Amino acid sequence: ATAFPVRQFAPSRLHTSTIPSEEDGVGTLLVLGTTDDDRTARLRAGEAASAVLLTATRMRLATCPLTQPLEVPATRESVRTDVLHGQLVPQLVLRIGWPTDEPHPTPATTRRPVADVVDWVVP
């Protein structure tokens, strides 16, 4: 098996004074596939991806969707045959893993009031 070169997940803090080791933050690649490749299948894949991303966030995992490789027909077919054994059509590659150590979580950003971003139109 050939190693898949990936960049490390960034630490989830604003400033870092340490460089993570090769083992930290690399993650695992997941492939989300569907039995068909029509509009409905792609919609269902998006719904499944949403559920996976929300679950990962709840578990404090870092994620990185990788759709660009699947936009190349030869690469998409290679993933279909070599990874999914011709059983599914690849829709999304997702890298998921633990972020590097975080002694202090990234501070929350402020939110604008709804009135600043929504115009209420009364007929």
N, C-alpha and C. Protein backbone atom coordinates (compact mmCIF):
# COMPACT_ATOMS: atom_id res chain seq x y z
N ALA A 1 0.84 -1.19 0.00
CA ALA A 1 0.00 0.00 0.00
C ALA A 1 0.88 1.24 0.00
N THR A 2 0.48 2.20 -0.79
CA THR A 2 1.22 3.44 -0.88
C THR A 2 0.69 4.43 0.15
N ALA A 3 1.60 5.10 0.83
CA ALA A 3 1.19 6.12 1.81
C ALA A 3 0.56 7.28 1.07
N PHE A 4 -0.52 7.80 1.59
CA PHE A 4 -1.22 8.93 0.99
C PHE A 4 -0.74 10.19 1.69
N PRO A 5 0.02 11.06 1.00
CA PRO A 5 0.55 12.25 1.66
C PRO A 5 -0.56 13.25 1.95
N VAL A 6 -0.66 13.66 3.19
CA VAL A 6 -1.65 14.66 3.58
C VAL A 6 -1.00 15.66 4.51
N ARG A 7 -1.53 16.83 4.51
CA ARG A 7 -1.04 17.82 5.47
C ARG A 7 -1.70 17.55 6.81
N GLN A 8 -1.07 18.02 7.86
CA GLN A 8 -1.61 17.81 9.19
C GLN A 8 -2.74 18.79 9.44
N PHE A 9 -3.69 18.38 10.29
CA PHE A 9 -4.73 19.30 10.70
C PHE A 9 -4.08 20.43 11.47
N ALA A 10 -4.58 21.62 11.27
CA ALA A 10 -4.07 22.77 12.00
C ALA A 10 -4.55 22.70 13.45
N PRO A 11 -3.74 23.21 14.35
CA PRO A 11 -4.21 23.25 15.74
C PRO A 11 -5.44 24.14 15.83
N SER A 12 -6.30 23.85 16.79
CA SER A 12 -7.53 24.62 16.91
C SER A 12 -7.36 25.79 17.87
N ARG A 13 -6.22 26.40 17.84
CA ARG A 13 -5.99 27.60 18.64
C ARG A 13 -5.37 28.64 17.72
N LEU A 14 -5.37 29.87 18.18
CA LEU A 14 -4.92 30.95 17.32
C LEU A 14 -3.41 30.96 17.12
N HIS A 15 -2.67 30.69 18.17
CA HIS A 15 -1.21 30.71 18.08
C HIS A 15 -0.66 29.40 18.62
N THR A 16 0.32 28.86 17.92
CA THR A 16 0.91 27.61 18.38
C THR A 16 2.41 27.79 18.52
N SER A 17 2.94 27.20 19.56
CA SER A 17 4.38 27.31 19.78
C SER A 17 5.07 25.97 19.54
N THR A 18 4.28 24.94 19.24
CA THR A 18 4.88 23.63 18.99
C THR A 18 4.48 23.14 17.61
N ILE A 19 5.31 22.32 17.04
CA ILE A 19 5.01 21.71 15.74
C ILE A 19 4.56 20.29 16.02
N PRO A 20 3.36 19.89 15.53
CA PRO A 20 2.88 18.55 15.82
C PRO A 20 3.78 17.50 15.17
N SER A 21 3.84 16.34 15.78
CA SER A 21 4.64 15.25 15.22
C SER A 21 3.91 14.66 14.03
N GLU A 22 4.60 13.78 13.28
CA GLU A 22 4.00 13.14 12.11
C GLU A 22 2.75 12.35 12.48
N GLU A 23 2.71 11.81 13.68
CA GLU A 23 1.57 10.98 14.08
C GLU A 23 0.35 11.81 14.46
N ASP A 24 0.55 13.05 14.87
CA ASP A 24 -0.56 13.89 15.32
C ASP A 24 -1.25 14.56 14.14
N GLY A 25 -2.56 14.58 14.18
CA GLY A 25 -3.31 15.39 13.24
C GLY A 25 -3.38 14.90 11.82
N VAL A 26 -2.92 13.71 11.52
CA VAL A 26 -2.95 13.23 10.13
C VAL A 26 -4.35 12.80 9.74
N GLY A 27 -5.04 12.05 10.58
CA GLY A 27 -6.42 11.66 10.32
C GLY A 27 -6.54 10.41 9.47
N THR A 28 -7.77 10.09 9.15
CA THR A 28 -8.12 8.92 8.35
C THR A 28 -8.97 9.37 7.18
N LEU A 29 -8.79 8.73 6.03
CA LEU A 29 -9.61 9.05 4.87
C LEU A 29 -10.83 8.14 4.83
N LEU A 30 -11.99 8.74 4.64
CA LEU A 30 -13.24 8.01 4.48
C LEU A 30 -13.78 8.33 3.09
N VAL A 31 -14.42 7.36 2.47
CA VAL A 31 -15.04 7.60 1.17
C VAL A 31 -16.54 7.38 1.32
N LEU A 32 -17.30 8.39 0.96
CA LEU A 32 -18.75 8.27 0.97
C LEU A 32 -19.18 7.95 -0.45
N GLY A 33 -19.91 6.85 -0.61
CA GLY A 33 -20.33 6.44 -1.94
C GLY A 33 -21.81 6.14 -1.99
N THR A 34 -22.35 6.12 -3.20
CA THR A 34 -23.75 5.82 -3.43
C THR A 34 -23.87 4.72 -4.48
N THR A 35 -25.03 4.04 -4.50
CA THR A 35 -25.22 2.97 -5.47
C THR A 35 -25.47 3.50 -6.87
N ASP A 36 -25.99 4.71 -6.97
CA ASP A 36 -26.24 5.35 -8.27
C ASP A 36 -25.49 6.67 -8.33
N ASP A 37 -25.51 7.30 -9.50
CA ASP A 37 -24.84 8.59 -9.65
C ASP A 37 -25.79 9.60 -10.27
N ASP A 38 -27.03 9.58 -9.82
CA ASP A 38 -28.00 10.54 -10.32
C ASP A 38 -28.19 11.67 -9.31
N ARG A 39 -29.08 12.56 -9.63
CA ARG A 39 -29.30 13.73 -8.79
C ARG A 39 -29.76 13.34 -7.37
N THR A 40 -30.64 12.37 -7.27
CA THR A 40 -31.12 11.93 -5.96
C THR A 40 -29.99 11.32 -5.14
N ALA A 41 -29.14 10.53 -5.78
CA ALA A 41 -28.01 9.92 -5.08
C ALA A 41 -27.07 10.98 -4.53
N ARG A 42 -26.82 12.01 -5.34
CA ARG A 42 -25.94 13.09 -4.88
C ARG A 42 -26.57 13.87 -3.73
N LEU A 43 -27.88 14.07 -3.77
CA LEU A 43 -28.58 14.72 -2.67
C LEU A 43 -28.45 13.89 -1.39
N ARG A 44 -28.66 12.58 -1.50
CA ARG A 44 -28.56 11.70 -0.34
C ARG A 44 -27.12 11.68 0.19
N ALA A 45 -26.16 11.73 -0.70
CA ALA A 45 -24.76 11.78 -0.27
C ALA A 45 -24.48 13.06 0.51
N GLY A 46 -25.05 14.17 0.07
CA GLY A 46 -24.90 15.43 0.79
C GLY A 46 -25.53 15.38 2.17
N GLU A 47 -26.70 14.73 2.26
CA GLU A 47 -27.35 14.58 3.56
C GLU A 47 -26.51 13.71 4.49
N ALA A 48 -25.96 12.63 3.94
CA ALA A 48 -25.11 11.74 4.75
C ALA A 48 -23.84 12.48 5.19
N ALA A 49 -23.26 13.24 4.28
CA ALA A 49 -22.05 14.01 4.62
C ALA A 49 -22.36 15.01 5.74
N SER A 50 -23.51 15.64 5.68
CA SER A 50 -23.91 16.57 6.73
C SER A 50 -23.99 15.87 8.08
N ALA A 51 -24.59 14.69 8.10
CA ALA A 51 -24.71 13.94 9.36
C ALA A 51 -23.33 13.55 9.90
N VAL A 52 -22.45 13.13 9.02
CA VAL A 52 -21.09 12.74 9.44
C VAL A 52 -20.35 13.96 9.98
N LEU A 53 -20.41 15.09 9.27
CA LEU A 53 -19.70 16.29 9.70
C LEU A 53 -20.24 16.81 11.04
N LEU A 54 -21.55 16.80 11.21
CA LEU A 54 -22.12 17.25 12.48
C LEU A 54 -21.74 16.32 13.63
N THR A 55 -21.75 15.03 13.38
CA THR A 55 -21.35 14.07 14.42
C THR A 55 -19.88 14.25 14.77
N ALA A 56 -19.03 14.42 13.76
CA ALA A 56 -17.61 14.64 14.01
C ALA A 56 -17.39 15.91 14.83
N THR A 57 -18.11 16.96 14.51
CA THR A 57 -17.99 18.21 15.26
C THR A 57 -18.40 18.00 16.71
N ARG A 58 -19.49 17.29 16.92
CA ARG A 58 -19.95 17.02 18.28
C ARG A 58 -18.89 16.22 19.05
N MET A 59 -18.15 15.36 18.36
CA MET A 59 -17.11 14.55 18.99
C MET A 59 -15.77 15.30 19.06
N ARG A 60 -15.77 16.56 18.62
CA ARG A 60 -14.56 17.40 18.61
C ARG A 60 -13.47 16.89 17.68
N LEU A 61 -13.89 16.25 16.59
CA LEU A 61 -12.96 15.80 15.57
C LEU A 61 -12.79 16.89 14.52
N ALA A 62 -11.65 16.92 13.90
CA ALA A 62 -11.40 17.84 12.79
C ALA A 62 -11.76 17.12 11.50
N THR A 63 -12.29 17.86 10.53
CA THR A 63 -12.67 17.27 9.25
C THR A 63 -12.19 18.14 8.10
N CYS A 64 -12.01 17.50 6.96
CA CYS A 64 -11.60 18.21 5.76
C CYS A 64 -12.18 17.47 4.55
N PRO A 65 -13.24 18.01 3.93
CA PRO A 65 -13.78 17.36 2.73
C PRO A 65 -12.80 17.50 1.57
N LEU A 66 -12.64 16.44 0.82
CA LEU A 66 -11.73 16.44 -0.33
C LEU A 66 -12.52 16.01 -1.56
N THR A 67 -13.07 16.98 -2.26
CA THR A 67 -13.86 16.65 -3.45
C THR A 67 -13.06 16.80 -4.74
N GLN A 68 -12.00 17.58 -4.72
CA GLN A 68 -11.25 17.87 -5.94
C GLN A 68 -10.75 16.60 -6.64
N PRO A 69 -10.20 15.61 -5.92
CA PRO A 69 -9.73 14.41 -6.64
C PRO A 69 -10.84 13.71 -7.41
N LEU A 70 -12.07 13.77 -6.91
CA LEU A 70 -13.18 13.09 -7.57
C LEU A 70 -13.70 13.86 -8.78
N GLU A 71 -13.22 15.07 -8.98
CA GLU A 71 -13.60 15.85 -10.16
C GLU A 71 -12.78 15.43 -11.38
N VAL A 72 -11.73 14.65 -11.17
CA VAL A 72 -10.91 14.14 -12.27
C VAL A 72 -11.45 12.74 -12.61
N PRO A 73 -12.00 12.55 -13.81
CA PRO A 73 -12.64 11.28 -14.15
C PRO A 73 -11.77 10.04 -13.88
N ALA A 74 -10.51 10.10 -14.21
CA ALA A 74 -9.63 8.94 -14.01
C ALA A 74 -9.46 8.63 -12.52
N THR A 75 -9.32 9.66 -11.72
CA THR A 75 -9.16 9.45 -10.28
C THR A 75 -10.46 8.93 -9.68
N ARG A 76 -11.58 9.48 -10.11
CA ARG A 76 -12.87 9.01 -9.60
C ARG A 76 -13.09 7.54 -9.92
N GLU A 77 -12.73 7.15 -11.13
CA GLU A 77 -12.89 5.75 -11.53
C GLU A 77 -11.92 4.85 -10.75
N SER A 78 -10.73 5.35 -10.50
CA SER A 78 -9.76 4.58 -9.71
C SER A 78 -10.27 4.36 -8.29
N VAL A 79 -10.84 5.39 -7.67
CA VAL A 79 -11.41 5.24 -6.32
C VAL A 79 -12.57 4.26 -6.37
N ARG A 80 -13.39 4.36 -7.42
CA ARG A 80 -14.54 3.45 -7.56
C ARG A 80 -14.11 2.00 -7.65
N THR A 81 -13.09 1.73 -8.45
CA THR A 81 -12.67 0.33 -8.66
C THR A 81 -11.71 -0.17 -7.59
N ASP A 82 -10.73 0.64 -7.23
CA ASP A 82 -9.68 0.18 -6.31
C ASP A 82 -10.07 0.28 -4.84
N VAL A 83 -10.87 1.26 -4.48
CA VAL A 83 -11.23 1.46 -3.07
C VAL A 83 -12.61 0.87 -2.77
N LEU A 84 -13.56 1.16 -3.65
CA LEU A 84 -14.94 0.71 -3.42
C LEU A 84 -15.27 -0.58 -4.16
N HIS A 85 -14.27 -1.17 -4.80
CA HIS A 85 -14.40 -2.47 -5.49
C HIS A 85 -15.56 -2.51 -6.47
N GLY A 86 -15.84 -1.38 -7.12
CA GLY A 86 -16.89 -1.31 -8.12
C GLY A 86 -18.30 -1.38 -7.56
N GLN A 87 -18.44 -1.40 -6.25
CA GLN A 87 -19.75 -1.55 -5.62
C GLN A 87 -20.50 -0.21 -5.47
N LEU A 88 -19.77 0.88 -5.34
CA LEU A 88 -20.38 2.19 -5.12
C LEU A 88 -19.72 3.25 -6.00
N VAL A 89 -20.42 4.35 -6.17
CA VAL A 89 -19.88 5.50 -6.89
C VAL A 89 -19.39 6.49 -5.84
N PRO A 90 -18.11 6.87 -5.88
CA PRO A 90 -17.59 7.80 -4.86
C PRO A 90 -18.19 9.19 -5.05
N GLN A 91 -18.65 9.77 -3.95
CA GLN A 91 -19.21 11.11 -3.98
C GLN A 91 -18.37 12.11 -3.19
N LEU A 92 -17.67 11.62 -2.17
CA LEU A 92 -16.90 12.51 -1.31
C LEU A 92 -15.80 11.72 -0.61
N VAL A 93 -14.63 12.31 -0.55
CA VAL A 93 -13.56 11.79 0.30
C VAL A 93 -13.48 12.76 1.47
N LEU A 94 -13.44 12.22 2.66
CA LEU A 94 -13.44 13.04 3.87
C LEU A 94 -12.28 12.62 4.75
N ARG A 95 -11.44 13.59 5.09
CA ARG A 95 -10.37 13.32 6.05
C ARG A 95 -10.90 13.70 7.41
N ILE A 96 -10.74 12.80 8.38
CA ILE A 96 -11.29 13.03 9.70
C ILE A 96 -10.28 12.55 10.74
N GLY A 97 -10.13 13.29 11.81
CA GLY A 97 -9.19 12.90 12.86
C GLY A 97 -9.19 13.87 14.01
N TRP A 98 -8.37 13.57 14.98
CA TRP A 98 -8.24 14.43 16.15
C TRP A 98 -7.34 15.60 15.80
N PRO A 99 -7.73 16.81 16.18
CA PRO A 99 -6.84 17.95 15.96
C PRO A 99 -5.64 17.82 16.89
N THR A 100 -4.59 18.56 16.58
CA THR A 100 -3.42 18.55 17.45
C THR A 100 -3.82 19.11 18.81
N ASP A 101 -2.96 18.91 19.79
CA ASP A 101 -3.30 19.30 21.16
C ASP A 101 -3.78 20.74 21.24
N GLU A 102 -4.75 20.96 22.11
CA GLU A 102 -5.32 22.30 22.27
C GLU A 102 -5.51 22.63 23.75
N PRO A 103 -4.53 23.30 24.34
CA PRO A 103 -4.68 23.64 25.75
C PRO A 103 -5.79 24.67 25.99
N HIS A 104 -6.02 25.54 25.01
CA HIS A 104 -7.06 26.55 25.13
C HIS A 104 -7.88 26.55 23.85
N PRO A 105 -9.18 26.31 23.92
CA PRO A 105 -9.99 26.30 22.71
C PRO A 105 -10.00 27.67 22.03
N THR A 106 -10.21 27.66 20.74
CA THR A 106 -10.32 28.89 19.99
C THR A 106 -11.51 29.69 20.52
N PRO A 107 -11.32 30.97 20.80
CA PRO A 107 -12.43 31.75 21.35
C PRO A 107 -13.58 31.85 20.35
N ALA A 108 -14.80 31.89 20.87
CA ALA A 108 -15.98 32.04 20.03
C ALA A 108 -15.99 33.43 19.41
N THR A 109 -16.51 33.52 18.21
CA THR A 109 -16.63 34.82 17.56
C THR A 109 -17.98 35.43 17.91
N THR A 110 -18.03 36.73 17.85
CA THR A 110 -19.30 37.40 18.13
C THR A 110 -20.22 37.25 16.94
N ARG A 111 -21.50 37.29 17.18
CA ARG A 111 -22.50 37.18 16.13
C ARG A 111 -23.25 38.49 16.00
N ARG A 112 -23.55 38.84 14.76
CA ARG A 112 -24.33 40.05 14.53
C ARG A 112 -25.78 39.82 14.90
N PRO A 113 -26.46 40.84 15.35
CA PRO A 113 -27.90 40.69 15.63
C PRO A 113 -28.66 40.34 14.35
N VAL A 114 -29.72 39.57 14.50
CA VAL A 114 -30.54 39.16 13.35
C VAL A 114 -31.01 40.37 12.56
N ALA A 115 -31.38 41.43 13.25
CA ALA A 115 -31.88 42.64 12.58
C ALA A 115 -30.83 43.26 11.65
N ASP A 116 -29.56 42.98 11.89
CA ASP A 116 -28.50 43.51 11.02
C ASP A 116 -28.37 42.75 9.71
N VAL A 117 -28.86 41.54 9.66
CA VAL A 117 -28.66 40.71 8.47
C VAL A 117 -29.95 40.24 7.80
N VAL A 118 -31.10 40.50 8.43
CA VAL A 118 -32.38 40.07 7.87
C VAL A 118 -33.30 41.27 7.75
N ASP A 119 -33.89 41.45 6.58
CA ASP A 119 -34.90 42.49 6.39
C ASP A 119 -36.27 41.83 6.42
N TRP A 120 -37.13 42.28 7.30
CA TRP A 120 -38.48 41.75 7.41
C TRP A 120 -39.37 42.56 6.49
N VAL A 121 -40.00 41.89 5.56
CA VAL A 121 -40.89 42.55 4.61
C VAL A 121 -42.31 42.14 4.96
N VAL A 122 -43.12 43.12 5.26
CA VAL A 122 -44.52 42.85 5.59
C VAL A 122 -45.35 43.25 4.36
N PRO A 123 -46.11 42.30 3.81
CA PRO A 123 -46.90 42.63 2.60
C PRO A 123 -48.02 43.59 2.88
